[in-house]
Each structure stands twice: as C-alpha cells, then as structure tokens.
N, C-alpha and C. Protein backbone atom coordinates (compact mmCIF):
# COMPACT_ATOMS: atom_id res chain seq x y z
N MET A 1 31.71 14.67 11.44
CA MET A 1 32.28 14.83 10.25
C MET A 1 32.66 13.24 10.17
N PHE A 2 33.63 12.66 10.85
CA PHE A 2 33.99 11.39 10.87
C PHE A 2 32.93 10.26 10.46
N LYS A 3 31.83 10.58 11.50
CA LYS A 3 30.74 9.59 11.35
C LYS A 3 30.11 9.96 10.49
N MET A 4 30.14 11.01 9.18
CA MET A 4 29.35 10.81 8.06
C MET A 4 30.02 10.32 7.03
N ILE A 5 31.28 10.38 7.35
CA ILE A 5 32.32 9.64 6.55
C ILE A 5 32.08 8.05 6.62
N PHE A 6 32.24 7.70 8.05
CA PHE A 6 32.06 6.15 8.21
C PHE A 6 30.56 5.95 7.57
N LEU A 7 29.52 6.59 7.66
CA LEU A 7 28.29 6.26 7.21
C LEU A 7 28.22 6.17 5.94
N LEU A 8 29.10 7.07 4.96
CA LEU A 8 29.12 6.66 3.68
C LEU A 8 30.07 5.54 2.91
N VAL A 9 31.10 5.79 3.69
CA VAL A 9 31.53 4.22 3.49
C VAL A 9 31.27 2.93 3.32
N GLY A 10 30.42 2.99 4.73
CA GLY A 10 29.59 1.73 4.91
C GLY A 10 28.72 1.54 3.84
N LEU A 11 27.60 2.49 3.28
CA LEU A 11 26.78 2.43 2.51
C LEU A 11 27.24 2.32 1.37
N ALA A 12 28.55 2.99 0.68
CA ALA A 12 29.29 2.33 -0.62
C ALA A 12 30.08 0.58 -0.23
N VAL A 13 30.15 0.20 0.52
CA VAL A 13 30.62 -1.13 0.76
C VAL A 13 29.61 -1.68 0.73
N GLY A 14 28.42 -1.46 1.38
CA GLY A 14 27.23 -2.48 1.42
C GLY A 14 26.20 -2.42 0.01
N PHE A 15 26.27 -1.17 -0.69
CA PHE A 15 26.00 -1.46 -2.06
C PHE A 15 26.81 -2.35 -3.19
N GLY A 16 27.91 -1.93 -3.10
CA GLY A 16 29.09 -2.59 -4.05
C GLY A 16 29.11 -4.30 -3.73
N GLY A 17 28.88 -4.40 -2.18
CA GLY A 17 28.78 -5.93 -1.90
C GLY A 17 27.62 -6.37 -2.46
N GLY A 18 26.71 -5.72 -2.44
CA GLY A 18 25.00 -6.46 -3.01
C GLY A 18 25.20 -6.74 -4.20
N VAL A 19 25.96 -5.53 -5.02
CA VAL A 19 25.82 -5.59 -6.59
C VAL A 19 27.19 -6.88 -7.05
N TYR A 20 27.94 -6.97 -6.53
CA TYR A 20 28.62 -8.03 -6.71
C TYR A 20 27.97 -9.35 -6.48
N TRP A 21 27.59 -9.60 -5.27
CA TRP A 21 26.93 -10.83 -4.96
C TRP A 21 25.82 -10.82 -6.08
N ALA A 22 25.03 -10.26 -6.44
CA ALA A 22 24.00 -10.01 -7.15
C ALA A 22 24.86 -10.79 -8.45
N ASN A 23 25.55 -10.13 -9.00
CA ASN A 23 26.35 -10.13 -10.32
C ASN A 23 26.74 -11.83 -10.44
N GLY A 24 27.72 -12.51 -8.88
CA GLY A 24 27.77 -13.64 -9.10
C GLY A 24 26.70 -14.92 -8.77
N HIS A 25 25.78 -14.60 -8.38
CA HIS A 25 24.63 -15.54 -7.84
C HIS A 25 23.12 -14.93 -8.63
N PRO A 26 23.03 -14.87 -9.71
CA PRO A 26 21.95 -14.16 -10.44
C PRO A 26 20.61 -15.23 -9.95
N ASP A 27 20.65 -16.28 -10.03
CA ASP A 27 19.58 -17.30 -9.74
C ASP A 27 19.15 -17.00 -8.29
N GLN A 28 20.01 -16.76 -7.21
CA GLN A 28 19.35 -16.63 -5.94
C GLN A 28 18.82 -15.05 -5.86
N ALA A 29 19.80 -13.99 -6.62
CA ALA A 29 19.34 -12.64 -6.35
C ALA A 29 17.55 -12.56 -6.74
N LYS A 30 17.10 -13.38 -8.29
CA LYS A 30 15.97 -13.45 -8.53
C LYS A 30 14.86 -14.17 -7.67
N GLN A 31 15.68 -15.02 -6.83
CA GLN A 31 14.57 -15.40 -6.10
C GLN A 31 14.51 -14.75 -4.96
N LEU A 32 15.68 -14.02 -4.61
CA LEU A 32 14.98 -13.20 -3.12
C LEU A 32 14.29 -12.02 -3.59
N SER A 33 14.27 -11.55 -4.73
CA SER A 33 13.73 -10.54 -5.38
C SER A 33 12.09 -10.69 -5.59
N ALA A 34 12.04 -11.83 -6.16
CA ALA A 34 10.71 -12.36 -6.45
C ALA A 34 10.06 -12.86 -4.70
N GLU A 35 10.50 -13.33 -3.72
CA GLU A 35 10.50 -13.35 -2.35
C GLU A 35 9.95 -11.72 -1.96
N GLU A 36 10.58 -10.93 -1.83
CA GLU A 36 10.18 -9.57 -1.47
C GLU A 36 9.26 -9.03 -2.06
N GLU A 37 9.19 -9.09 -3.46
CA GLU A 37 7.91 -8.67 -4.44
C GLU A 37 6.44 -9.35 -3.74
N LYS A 38 6.49 -10.60 -3.56
CA LYS A 38 5.00 -11.28 -3.04
C LYS A 38 5.17 -10.62 -1.58
N GLN A 39 6.07 -10.55 -0.84
CA GLN A 39 5.95 -10.25 0.46
C GLN A 39 4.86 -8.75 0.50
N PHE A 40 5.78 -7.90 -0.80
CA PHE A 40 5.36 -6.56 -0.61
C PHE A 40 3.75 -6.35 -1.11
N LEU A 41 3.35 -7.12 -2.27
CA LEU A 41 2.31 -7.31 -2.67
C LEU A 41 1.34 -8.00 -1.85
N GLN A 42 1.41 -8.76 -0.66
CA GLN A 42 0.38 -9.22 0.12
C GLN A 42 0.44 -8.51 1.21
N ALA A 43 1.30 -7.51 1.62
CA ALA A 43 0.87 -6.21 2.60
C ALA A 43 -0.20 -5.29 1.73
N GLN A 44 0.23 -5.23 0.80
CA GLN A 44 -0.46 -4.15 -0.43
C GLN A 44 -1.79 -4.63 -0.29
N LEU A 45 -1.99 -5.64 -0.50
CA LEU A 45 -3.18 -6.52 -0.27
C LEU A 45 -3.95 -6.53 0.65
N ALA A 46 -3.25 -6.59 1.93
CA ALA A 46 -4.12 -6.27 3.22
C ALA A 46 -4.72 -5.27 3.61
N ILE A 47 -3.65 -4.24 3.05
CA ILE A 47 -4.19 -2.50 3.11
C ILE A 47 -5.49 -2.29 2.63
N THR A 48 -5.39 -2.99 1.03
CA THR A 48 -6.48 -2.51 0.38
C THR A 48 -7.72 -3.21 0.82
N GLU A 49 -7.74 -4.45 1.22
CA GLU A 49 -8.65 -5.14 1.99
C GLU A 49 -9.22 -4.24 3.07
N LYS A 50 -8.43 -3.70 3.98
CA LYS A 50 -8.79 -3.05 5.10
C LYS A 50 -9.38 -1.49 4.49
N ILE A 51 -9.18 -1.06 3.48
CA ILE A 51 -9.61 0.25 2.93
C ILE A 51 -11.10 -0.40 2.46
N GLN A 52 -11.22 -1.25 2.37
CA GLN A 52 -12.39 -1.81 1.34
C GLN A 52 -13.54 -2.22 2.40
N ALA A 53 -13.08 -2.54 3.72
CA ALA A 53 -14.04 -2.87 4.46
C ALA A 53 -14.26 -1.55 4.95
N LYS A 54 -13.26 -0.53 5.42
CA LYS A 54 -13.87 0.75 5.95
C LYS A 54 -15.01 1.61 4.84
N LEU A 55 -14.62 1.07 3.75
CA LEU A 55 -15.55 2.01 2.68
C LEU A 55 -16.71 1.18 2.89
N ASP A 56 -17.12 0.28 3.03
CA ASP A 56 -18.14 -0.58 3.02
C ASP A 56 -18.90 -0.41 4.54
N SER A 57 -18.10 -0.36 5.34
CA SER A 57 -19.19 0.27 6.99
C SER A 57 -19.11 1.71 6.70
N LEU A 58 -18.60 2.56 6.06
CA LEU A 58 -19.15 4.03 5.59
C LEU A 58 -20.07 4.25 4.56
N SER A 59 -20.47 3.28 3.69
CA SER A 59 -21.54 2.72 2.51
C SER A 59 -22.78 2.52 3.32
N LYS A 60 -22.62 1.62 4.35
CA LYS A 60 -23.79 1.09 4.83
C LYS A 60 -24.36 2.12 6.07
N SER A 61 -23.28 2.44 6.93
CA SER A 61 -23.59 3.57 7.99
C SER A 61 -23.67 5.10 7.51
N SER A 62 -24.61 5.96 8.10
CA SER A 62 -24.58 7.38 7.62
C SER A 62 -23.52 8.17 8.73
N GLY A 63 -22.94 7.14 9.52
CA GLY A 63 -22.10 7.90 10.52
C GLY A 63 -22.80 7.99 11.68
N GLY A 64 -23.87 7.70 12.29
CA GLY A 64 -24.86 7.77 13.11
C GLY A 64 -24.83 9.09 13.91
N LYS A 65 -24.82 10.04 13.04
CA LYS A 65 -24.90 11.63 13.54
C LYS A 65 -26.10 12.37 12.73
N SER A 66 -26.75 12.88 13.77
CA SER A 66 -28.06 13.51 13.15
C SER A 66 -27.32 15.00 12.22
N VAL A 67 -28.63 15.28 11.32
CA VAL A 67 -27.97 15.97 10.38
C VAL A 67 -28.19 17.52 11.20
N GLY A 68 -27.31 18.50 10.53
CA GLY A 68 -26.94 19.72 11.59
C GLY A 68 -26.59 19.54 12.89
N SER A 69 -25.86 18.32 13.30
CA SER A 69 -25.54 18.67 14.65
C SER A 69 -23.82 19.12 14.38
N GLY A 70 -23.13 19.85 15.55
CA GLY A 70 -22.19 19.87 15.44
C GLY A 70 -21.62 21.54 15.43
N PHE A 71 -20.88 22.00 14.61
CA PHE A 71 -20.36 23.33 14.95
C PHE A 71 -20.70 23.74 13.35
N ILE A 72 -20.26 22.76 12.37
CA ILE A 72 -20.82 22.97 10.95
C ILE A 72 -22.03 22.37 10.47
N SER A 73 -22.91 23.23 9.91
CA SER A 73 -24.07 22.50 9.23
C SER A 73 -23.50 21.82 8.26
N SER A 74 -24.60 20.59 7.58
CA SER A 74 -24.34 19.57 6.67
C SER A 74 -23.97 20.27 5.45
N ALA A 75 -24.57 21.18 4.92
CA ALA A 75 -24.61 22.03 3.66
C ALA A 75 -22.82 22.51 3.64
N GLN A 76 -22.09 23.02 4.78
CA GLN A 76 -20.56 23.44 4.67
C GLN A 76 -19.68 22.06 4.85
N ALA A 77 -20.27 21.19 5.14
CA ALA A 77 -19.36 19.94 5.84
C ALA A 77 -18.38 19.42 4.56
N GLY A 78 -19.42 19.12 3.63
CA GLY A 78 -18.54 18.78 2.53
C GLY A 78 -18.11 17.10 2.90
N GLY A 79 -18.79 16.49 3.35
CA GLY A 79 -18.36 14.85 3.58
C GLY A 79 -18.72 14.00 2.38
N ALA A 80 -18.26 12.99 2.78
CA ALA A 80 -18.27 12.01 1.63
C ALA A 80 -19.79 11.73 0.92
N THR A 81 -19.64 11.56 -0.31
CA THR A 81 -21.05 11.30 -0.95
C THR A 81 -21.21 9.99 -1.41
N ALA A 82 -22.19 9.36 -1.55
CA ALA A 82 -22.59 8.10 -1.87
C ALA A 82 -21.78 7.78 -3.12
N SER A 83 -21.84 8.88 -4.23
CA SER A 83 -21.23 8.55 -5.41
C SER A 83 -19.83 8.54 -4.83
N ASP A 84 -19.17 9.24 -4.52
CA ASP A 84 -17.92 9.28 -3.79
C ASP A 84 -17.21 7.85 -3.40
N VAL A 85 -18.10 7.23 -2.42
CA VAL A 85 -17.66 6.27 -1.56
C VAL A 85 -17.85 5.13 -2.64
N SER A 86 -18.90 5.00 -3.79
CA SER A 86 -18.93 3.77 -4.62
C SER A 86 -17.73 3.89 -5.34
N GLU A 87 -17.22 5.33 -6.05
CA GLU A 87 -16.16 5.23 -6.80
C GLU A 87 -15.14 4.83 -6.22
N LEU A 88 -14.81 5.07 -4.73
CA LEU A 88 -13.76 4.67 -4.20
C LEU A 88 -13.65 3.29 -4.14
N LYS A 89 -15.14 2.76 -3.90
CA LYS A 89 -14.86 1.38 -3.54
C LYS A 89 -14.70 0.44 -5.02
N SER A 90 -15.31 0.87 -6.29
CA SER A 90 -15.00 0.25 -7.16
C SER A 90 -13.49 0.32 -7.65
N ASP A 91 -12.59 1.41 -7.28
CA ASP A 91 -11.28 1.62 -7.58
C ASP A 91 -10.35 0.52 -6.47
N THR A 92 -11.18 0.64 -5.43
CA THR A 92 -10.41 -0.71 -4.51
C THR A 92 -10.33 -1.89 -5.13
N GLU A 93 -11.62 -2.25 -5.51
CA GLU A 93 -12.08 -3.66 -6.07
C GLU A 93 -10.93 -3.67 -7.40
N LYS A 94 -10.87 -2.85 -8.05
CA LYS A 94 -10.15 -3.15 -9.33
C LYS A 94 -8.33 -3.13 -8.80
N GLN A 95 -8.30 -2.57 -7.74
CA GLN A 95 -6.62 -2.64 -7.58
C GLN A 95 -6.48 -4.14 -6.57
N GLN A 96 -7.42 -4.48 -6.12
CA GLN A 96 -7.32 -5.56 -5.44
C GLN A 96 -7.36 -6.98 -6.62
N ALA A 97 -7.86 -6.76 -7.36
CA ALA A 97 -7.82 -7.86 -8.50
C ALA A 97 -6.87 -7.74 -9.51
N GLN A 98 -6.13 -6.49 -9.36
CA GLN A 98 -4.93 -6.26 -9.85
C GLN A 98 -3.89 -7.07 -9.21
N LEU A 99 -3.76 -6.93 -7.85
CA LEU A 99 -2.86 -7.21 -6.97
C LEU A 99 -2.88 -8.87 -6.94
N ARG A 100 -3.90 -9.27 -6.71
CA ARG A 100 -4.41 -10.74 -6.83
C ARG A 100 -3.83 -11.60 -8.20
N ASP A 101 -3.80 -11.18 -9.25
CA ASP A 101 -3.26 -11.39 -10.50
C ASP A 101 -1.89 -11.41 -10.33
N ARG A 102 -1.41 -10.19 -10.01
CA ARG A 102 0.18 -10.45 -10.08
C ARG A 102 0.71 -11.09 -8.87
N LEU A 103 0.03 -11.75 -7.73
CA LEU A 103 0.07 -12.68 -6.89
C LEU A 103 0.35 -14.07 -7.55
N ASN A 104 -0.70 -14.10 -8.29
CA ASN A 104 -0.95 -15.33 -8.84
C ASN A 104 0.26 -15.75 -10.07
N LYS A 105 0.74 -14.79 -10.34
CA LYS A 105 1.56 -14.75 -11.46
C LYS A 105 2.88 -15.10 -10.73
N LEU A 106 3.35 -14.63 -9.47
CA LEU A 106 4.38 -15.38 -8.98
C LEU A 106 4.64 -16.36 -8.31
N LYS A 107 3.53 -16.90 -7.88
CA LYS A 107 3.40 -17.93 -7.29
C LYS A 107 3.33 -19.23 -8.59
C-alpha cells in the first residue's frame, strides 16, 4: 500500500517538475524535444531499412525449399506471394522517404 502511494507521489512530483521546468525554459524544452524526435526517427528509419533488406532477400530467393516439402502442401501454406512482397516493398520505400523528409526538416 505504502509502496504504491510513494510511486504515485514520485510520479506526480516528476511530472509536475517537468511541466514547471518546460514552462520556465521553453527554448531548452524545444531543443530537447527536437533531439528526442530526431533520435526516434533515426531508429525508426533503421528498422524500416532492415525490413526493406529482408523483403529484398525474400523477393530474390524462393526460400530454399522445394515445393511440397514439409507437413503442409504449398496450396495450403498460404505463404507470401510476389505481389504481396512487392506491395510491402513499395510501402516501406514510401515510409523511408517520409522519414528521411522529416529528418531533413529537423536538421
């Protein structure tokens, strides 16, 4: 019970202190926010690039398995088709372009 009360009081004091500091130092708060957004966008861009690389390797290779091997036939497997992969690749390319534009605006 007391642990929960102390956690809630600490949360309230931390949040209130952050709001008070941001109101007292608006320029520094904007710089801090912009830097955090820049780091977040860079991490998101790295993730989308990894997804793009995985989609490229998926589209170039057939998976290395022969048709009909395994427990499920190829008709029942419902794997990714070439059109699905190309659609996902175009979506990730658009997302990468948008992220790069936002990063360039922040710099």
